Amino acid sequence: MKVHLDTDLGGDTDDLCALAFLLASPDVEITGITTCTEYGGKRAGYVRHVLLLAGRDDIPIAAGADGGLMGLRYPAGIPNETDFWREAIAPCPSCAGAALDLLGASIAQGATIVAIGPYTNLALLEAMRPERLAQTRVVLMGGYLPPMKEGLPQWGATHDWNMHDDLAATQRVLTCCRPTIVPINVSVQTYLRARDLMRLREAGALCALLARQAEAYEREYNHQALGKACALLPDDLLNFQHDPLACAVALGWDGVTIEELPLRMEIVDGYPVLHVAPDGTRYDVVTSVDAERFNQLWLDTVCSKRF
């Protein structure tokens, strides 16, 4: 299966977890990787570093948009490199339009586009090359579709980073194509745990990097406190696996329920909230997940590769 990954890798660890999952999954061809919310090619540099660790420098990379379609709500940060990467990683900038060219080439090959960061690159592609997104399957990680299940963090639309950070891009993409949506209500049920770290450390350089970044992210955000406060989360919670779940959905994993729902977007205090409405636009939406099965699938898949 052919997949193109559009990512803001270099912040939340689940982007790296998603890329490792795709690299380790059998019968998957990554036709290209583009980065969004860029810092002069820094995120693309991180991607290149990961691909070199995995022995996959054959995969094309292009640094995409630094900003948003009409600006970003919040500038996306870059974590301390010493904590997350052990060393400084050289940027990998691209010429203007390279990310759109790579996205277009992937679409021409029939690749599924998996967007696990803000959707700026996809919106720019539609603006410059209308109707290209409608020609392929698109999977979006993001969306808040209330309510949040009891026992999970009672988050709202402010926690749905991918859809709200570049709201103009979100609105354009949801208008120009009919993506499969993987909302945070479902993805927040999947997670990486501290008990998984020993196995990761023993599974090669890339998996050891995953373990390092998971610990660094936990030191910064203290998700274990959140796990202890929420009945449906483990006490040793390190991070959520939002982006790896979106990749599994793109690959056709059967552990999720996907329903076609009519959705209408409401902007509440500047943040997008999705509602089921009879007059809404119909999208395929992931509405449930076998979380324990997915958590084990991810761990088994990335550790079996031993890259």
Protein backbone atom coordinates (compact mmCIF):
# COMPACT_ATOMS: atom_id res chain seq x y z
CA MET A 1 0.00 0.00 0.00
CA LYS A 2 1.26 3.49 -0.87
CA VAL A 3 1.16 6.21 1.80
CA HIS A 4 2.27 9.84 1.93
CA LEU A 5 2.87 11.29 5.42
CA ASP A 6 2.36 15.00 6.14
CA THR A 7 3.69 15.70 9.63
CA ASP A 8 4.82 18.30 12.15
CA LEU A 9 7.36 15.86 13.60
CA GLY A 10 9.63 17.41 16.17
CA GLY A 11 7.23 18.20 18.99
CA ASP A 12 4.77 15.69 20.42
CA THR A 13 6.41 12.24 20.33
CA ASP A 14 3.47 10.57 18.62
CA ASP A 15 4.58 11.92 15.21
CA LEU A 16 7.81 9.97 15.58
CA CYS A 17 5.82 6.95 16.77
CA ALA A 18 3.65 7.24 13.65
CA LEU A 19 6.61 7.40 11.28
CA ALA A 20 8.26 4.40 12.98
CA PHE A 21 4.99 2.47 12.65
CA LEU A 22 4.79 3.14 8.92
CA LEU A 23 8.45 2.26 8.40
CA ALA A 24 7.99 -1.04 10.24
CA SER A 25 4.64 -2.04 8.72
CA PRO A 26 4.85 -4.76 6.07
CA ASP A 27 3.78 -4.07 2.49
CA VAL A 28 3.78 -0.27 3.00
CA GLU A 29 5.51 2.02 0.53
CA ILE A 30 6.04 5.57 1.81
CA THR A 31 5.98 7.63 -1.38
CA GLY A 32 6.97 10.86 0.36
CA ILE A 33 7.07 12.80 3.62
CA THR A 34 6.26 16.50 3.87
CA THR A 35 6.55 18.68 6.95
CA CYS A 36 4.34 21.53 8.15
CA THR A 37 4.72 24.30 10.76
CA GLU A 38 8.36 24.35 9.68
CA TYR A 39 11.38 26.11 11.17
CA GLY A 40 13.48 26.64 8.08
CA GLY A 41 13.67 22.92 7.38
CA LYS A 42 14.31 21.83 10.96
CA ARG A 43 11.41 19.36 11.04
CA ALA A 44 12.47 17.93 7.69
CA GLY A 45 15.93 17.54 9.18
CA TYR A 46 14.44 15.48 12.00
CA VAL A 47 12.64 13.30 9.46
CA ARG A 48 15.86 12.77 7.51
CA HIS A 49 17.69 11.80 10.73
CA VAL A 50 14.99 9.20 11.53
CA LEU A 51 15.10 7.76 8.02
CA LEU A 52 18.88 7.41 8.23
CA LEU A 53 18.52 5.52 11.52
CA ALA A 54 16.04 3.21 9.82
CA GLY A 55 18.25 2.75 6.74
CA ARG A 56 15.59 4.36 4.54
CA ASP A 57 17.24 7.35 2.93
CA ASP A 58 15.44 6.37 -0.30
CA ILE A 59 12.20 8.06 0.84
CA PRO A 60 11.71 11.59 -0.58
CA ILE A 61 11.38 14.44 1.97
CA ALA A 62 10.26 18.04 1.43
CA ALA A 63 10.01 20.83 3.98
CA GLY A 64 6.63 22.51 3.66
CA ALA A 65 4.96 25.62 4.99
CA ASP A 66 6.57 27.52 7.88
CA GLY A 67 3.37 29.33 8.77
CA GLY A 68 -0.35 28.90 8.23
CA LEU A 69 -2.70 29.63 5.39
CA MET A 70 -3.74 32.84 7.16
CA GLY A 71 -1.37 32.56 10.10
CA LEU A 72 -1.17 30.04 12.93
CA ARG A 73 -3.11 30.35 16.17
CA TYR A 74 -0.01 29.31 18.11
CA PRO A 75 3.53 28.98 16.78
CA ALA A 76 4.54 25.33 17.04
CA GLY A 77 7.55 24.87 19.29
CA ILE A 78 10.69 22.82 18.88
CA PRO A 79 11.75 20.94 22.04
CA ASN A 80 15.23 21.01 23.52
CA GLU A 81 17.37 18.96 21.13
CA THR A 82 19.71 17.70 23.84
CA ASP A 83 16.77 16.14 25.67
CA PHE A 84 14.95 14.76 22.65
CA TRP A 85 17.69 13.94 20.13
CA ARG A 86 20.91 13.88 22.19
CA GLU A 87 22.61 15.99 19.49
CA ALA A 88 21.90 18.94 17.24
CA ILE A 89 20.17 17.88 14.02
CA ALA A 90 20.95 19.78 10.82
CA PRO A 91 17.95 21.34 9.03
CA CYS A 92 16.87 20.07 5.62
CA PRO A 93 15.24 23.06 3.85
CA SER A 94 13.50 22.78 0.49
CA CYS A 95 12.92 25.17 -2.34
CA ALA A 96 9.53 26.88 -2.62
CA GLY A 97 6.85 24.53 -3.90
CA ALA A 98 8.82 21.33 -3.26
CA ALA A 99 6.31 20.01 -0.72
CA LEU A 100 3.41 20.61 -3.11
CA ASP A 101 5.32 18.87 -5.90
CA LEU A 102 5.95 15.87 -3.64
CA LEU A 103 2.33 15.73 -2.51
CA GLY A 104 1.23 15.89 -6.16
CA ALA A 105 3.62 13.11 -7.12
CA SER A 106 2.29 10.90 -4.32
CA ILE A 107 -1.29 11.51 -5.42
CA ALA A 108 -0.32 10.61 -8.99
CA GLN A 109 0.97 7.28 -7.64
CA GLY A 110 -2.33 6.59 -5.88
CA ALA A 111 -0.99 7.10 -2.35
CA THR A 112 -3.23 7.71 0.64
CA ILE A 113 -2.41 11.08 2.22
CA VAL A 114 -2.13 10.88 6.02
CA ALA A 115 -2.04 14.32 7.66
CA ILE A 116 -0.93 14.21 11.31
CA GLY A 117 -0.18 17.91 11.79
CA PRO A 118 -2.02 21.12 10.82
CA TYR A 119 -3.33 20.86 7.27
CA THR A 120 -1.53 23.84 5.75
CA ASN A 121 0.29 21.91 3.02
CA LEU A 122 -2.91 20.21 1.92
CA ALA A 123 -4.77 23.52 1.75
CA LEU A 124 -1.95 25.12 -0.24
CA LEU A 125 -2.01 22.19 -2.67
CA GLU A 126 -5.74 22.73 -3.20
CA ALA A 127 -5.21 26.48 -3.68
CA MET A 128 -2.44 25.99 -6.24
CA ARG A 129 -3.72 22.82 -7.89
CA PRO A 130 -7.48 22.64 -7.43
CA GLU A 131 -9.23 19.27 -7.08
CA ARG A 132 -6.03 17.27 -6.57
CA LEU A 133 -7.00 16.24 -3.02
CA ALA A 134 -10.37 15.01 -4.25
CA GLN A 135 -8.51 12.53 -6.47
CA THR A 136 -7.09 10.49 -3.60
CA ARG A 137 -7.93 9.10 -0.18
CA VAL A 138 -7.11 11.47 2.69
CA VAL A 139 -6.93 10.58 6.38
CA LEU A 140 -6.88 13.44 8.88
CA MET A 141 -5.79 13.08 12.48
CA GLY A 142 -7.84 15.68 14.32
CA GLY A 143 -11.30 16.89 15.15
CA TYR A 144 -13.25 17.25 18.38
CA LEU A 145 -16.65 15.57 18.28
CA PRO A 146 -18.27 15.91 21.72
CA PRO A 147 -18.84 14.46 24.20
CA MET A 148 -15.65 12.97 25.63
CA LYS A 149 -16.19 9.58 27.27
CA GLU A 150 -16.18 9.48 31.08
CA GLY A 151 -12.90 8.24 32.47
CA LEU A 152 -10.90 10.12 29.83
CA PRO A 153 -9.53 13.67 30.07
CA GLN A 154 -12.48 16.00 29.69
CA TRP A 155 -10.84 17.95 26.92
CA GLY A 156 -12.56 20.19 24.44
CA ALA A 157 -11.77 21.78 21.11
CA THR A 158 -8.78 23.67 22.52
CA HIS A 159 -6.91 20.34 22.70
CA ASP A 160 -7.55 19.54 19.04
CA TRP A 161 -4.29 21.04 17.80
CA ASN A 162 -4.37 19.88 14.19
CA MET A 163 -7.71 21.44 13.31
CA HIS A 164 -7.47 24.65 15.29
CA ASP A 165 -3.88 25.78 14.75
CA ASP A 166 -4.50 26.60 11.08
CA LEU A 167 -8.26 26.96 11.04
CA ALA A 168 -8.39 28.43 7.52
CA ALA A 169 -6.54 25.38 6.18
CA THR A 170 -8.92 23.04 8.03
CA GLN A 171 -11.96 24.75 6.52
CA ARG A 172 -10.51 24.57 3.01
CA VAL A 173 -9.53 20.91 3.24
CA LEU A 174 -12.89 19.81 4.67
CA THR A 175 -14.61 21.65 1.83
CA CYS A 176 -12.52 20.37 -1.08
CA CYS A 177 -12.44 16.65 -0.25
CA ARG A 178 -14.13 14.05 1.93
CA PRO A 179 -11.39 12.80 4.26
CA THR A 180 -11.60 10.07 6.85
CA ILE A 181 -11.46 11.83 10.22
CA VAL A 182 -9.76 10.34 13.29
CA PRO A 183 -11.00 12.59 16.14
CA ILE A 184 -9.28 13.09 19.47
CA ASN A 185 -12.29 11.57 21.27
CA VAL A 186 -11.16 8.19 19.93
CA SER A 187 -7.39 8.62 19.62
CA VAL A 188 -7.06 9.71 23.27
CA GLN A 189 -7.94 6.13 24.21
CA THR A 190 -4.62 4.89 22.77
CA TYR A 191 -1.34 5.40 24.58
CA LEU A 192 2.30 4.61 25.20
CA ARG A 193 3.17 3.39 28.70
CA ALA A 194 6.32 3.46 30.81
CA ARG A 195 6.23 -0.33 31.02
CA ASP A 196 6.89 -0.41 27.24
CA LEU A 197 10.20 1.46 27.45
CA MET A 198 12.46 -1.48 28.25
CA ARG A 199 11.26 -3.38 25.19
CA LEU A 200 11.76 -0.30 23.01
CA ARG A 201 15.29 0.29 24.29
CA GLU A 202 16.26 -3.24 23.29
CA ALA A 203 14.78 -3.06 19.77
CA GLY A 204 17.38 -1.00 17.91
CA ALA A 205 18.51 2.62 17.57
CA LEU A 206 15.23 4.06 16.31
CA CYS A 207 13.16 2.38 19.02
CA ALA A 208 15.67 3.54 21.62
CA LEU A 209 15.15 7.08 20.32
CA LEU A 210 11.39 6.60 20.74
CA ALA A 211 11.95 5.61 24.36
CA ARG A 212 14.25 8.60 24.95
CA GLN A 213 11.72 11.06 23.52
CA ALA A 214 8.80 9.50 25.39
CA GLU A 215 10.64 10.04 28.68
CA ALA A 216 11.64 13.59 27.73
CA TYR A 217 8.05 14.41 26.78
CA GLU A 218 6.78 13.01 30.06
CA ARG A 219 9.24 15.14 32.03
CA GLU A 220 7.87 18.20 30.28
CA TYR A 221 4.13 17.45 30.40
CA ASN A 222 3.66 14.98 33.30
CA HIS A 223 1.10 12.76 31.62
CA GLN A 224 1.40 10.23 34.44
CA ALA A 225 -0.51 12.62 36.68
CA LEU A 226 -3.23 12.71 34.02
CA GLY A 227 -3.22 8.91 33.87
CA LYS A 228 -3.69 8.64 37.60
CA ALA A 229 -6.63 11.05 37.45
CA CYS A 230 -8.50 9.27 34.62
CA ALA A 231 -10.05 5.85 35.17
CA LEU A 232 -9.63 4.70 31.55
CA LEU A 233 -5.93 5.59 31.36
CA PRO A 234 -2.95 3.76 32.90
CA ASP A 235 -1.04 5.20 35.85
CA ASP A 236 2.21 4.94 33.88
CA LEU A 237 0.91 6.95 30.90
CA LEU A 238 3.66 8.62 28.86
CA ASN A 239 1.85 9.91 25.80
CA PHE A 240 -1.16 9.43 23.56
CA GLN A 241 -0.87 7.63 20.22
CA HIS A 242 -3.09 9.94 18.16
CA ASP A 243 -0.92 9.90 15.04
CA PRO A 244 -0.03 6.19 14.95
CA LEU A 245 -3.75 5.41 15.15
CA ALA A 246 -4.41 7.63 12.12
CA CYS A 247 -1.71 5.71 10.24
CA ALA A 248 -3.28 2.38 11.20
CA VAL A 249 -6.64 3.64 9.93
CA ALA A 250 -4.99 4.64 6.65
CA LEU A 251 -3.55 1.13 6.34
CA GLY A 252 -6.98 -0.43 6.78
CA TRP A 253 -6.53 -1.86 10.28
CA ASP A 254 -9.75 -3.57 11.35
CA GLY A 255 -9.69 -2.61 15.03
CA VAL A 256 -11.68 0.59 14.55
CA THR A 257 -15.29 1.37 13.73
CA ILE A 258 -15.75 3.83 10.90
CA GLU A 259 -19.16 5.42 10.34
CA GLU A 260 -20.35 7.83 7.69
CA LEU A 261 -21.68 10.80 9.65
CA PRO A 262 -23.16 14.15 8.59
CA LEU A 263 -20.98 16.75 10.27
CA ARG A 264 -21.27 20.49 10.68
CA MET A 265 -18.42 22.60 12.01
CA GLU A 266 -19.22 25.24 14.63
CA ILE A 267 -16.60 27.81 15.63
CA VAL A 268 -16.76 28.30 19.41
CA ASP A 269 -14.50 31.05 20.79
CA GLY A 270 -12.37 30.64 17.68
CA TYR A 271 -12.03 26.84 17.97
CA PRO A 272 -13.70 24.32 15.63
CA VAL A 273 -16.18 21.84 17.11
CA LEU A 274 -17.71 19.09 14.96
CA HIS A 275 -21.37 18.21 15.47
CA VAL A 276 -23.52 15.50 13.94
CA ALA A 277 -26.27 17.38 12.09
CA PRO A 278 -28.84 16.21 9.52
CA ASP A 279 -27.82 19.01 7.16
CA GLY A 280 -24.09 18.39 7.61
CA THR A 281 -21.55 17.18 5.09
CA ARG A 282 -20.99 13.44 5.19
CA TYR A 283 -17.56 12.18 6.20
CA ASP A 284 -16.15 8.83 7.25
CA VAL A 285 -15.41 9.18 10.97
CA VAL A 286 -13.62 6.80 13.32
CA THR A 287 -16.05 6.38 16.21
CA SER A 288 -14.45 3.63 18.31
CA VAL A 289 -11.17 1.74 18.71
CA ASP A 290 -10.02 -1.48 20.33
CA ALA A 291 -7.39 0.46 22.24
CA GLU A 292 -5.57 -2.39 23.97
CA ARG A 293 -5.31 -4.27 20.70
CA PHE A 294 -3.94 -1.20 18.95
CA ASN A 295 -1.40 -0.44 21.68
CA GLN A 296 -0.06 -3.99 21.36
CA LEU A 297 -0.10 -3.82 17.56
CA TRP A 298 1.99 -0.64 17.56
CA LEU A 299 4.53 -2.00 20.05
CA ASP A 300 4.86 -5.37 18.30
CA THR A 301 5.20 -3.74 14.89
CA VAL A 302 7.92 -1.21 15.72
CA CYS A 303 9.91 -3.59 17.92
CA SER A 304 9.84 -6.44 15.41
CA LYS A 305 11.72 -4.38 12.80
CA ARG A 306 14.72 -3.78 15.10
CA PHE A 307 16.03 -0.81 13.15
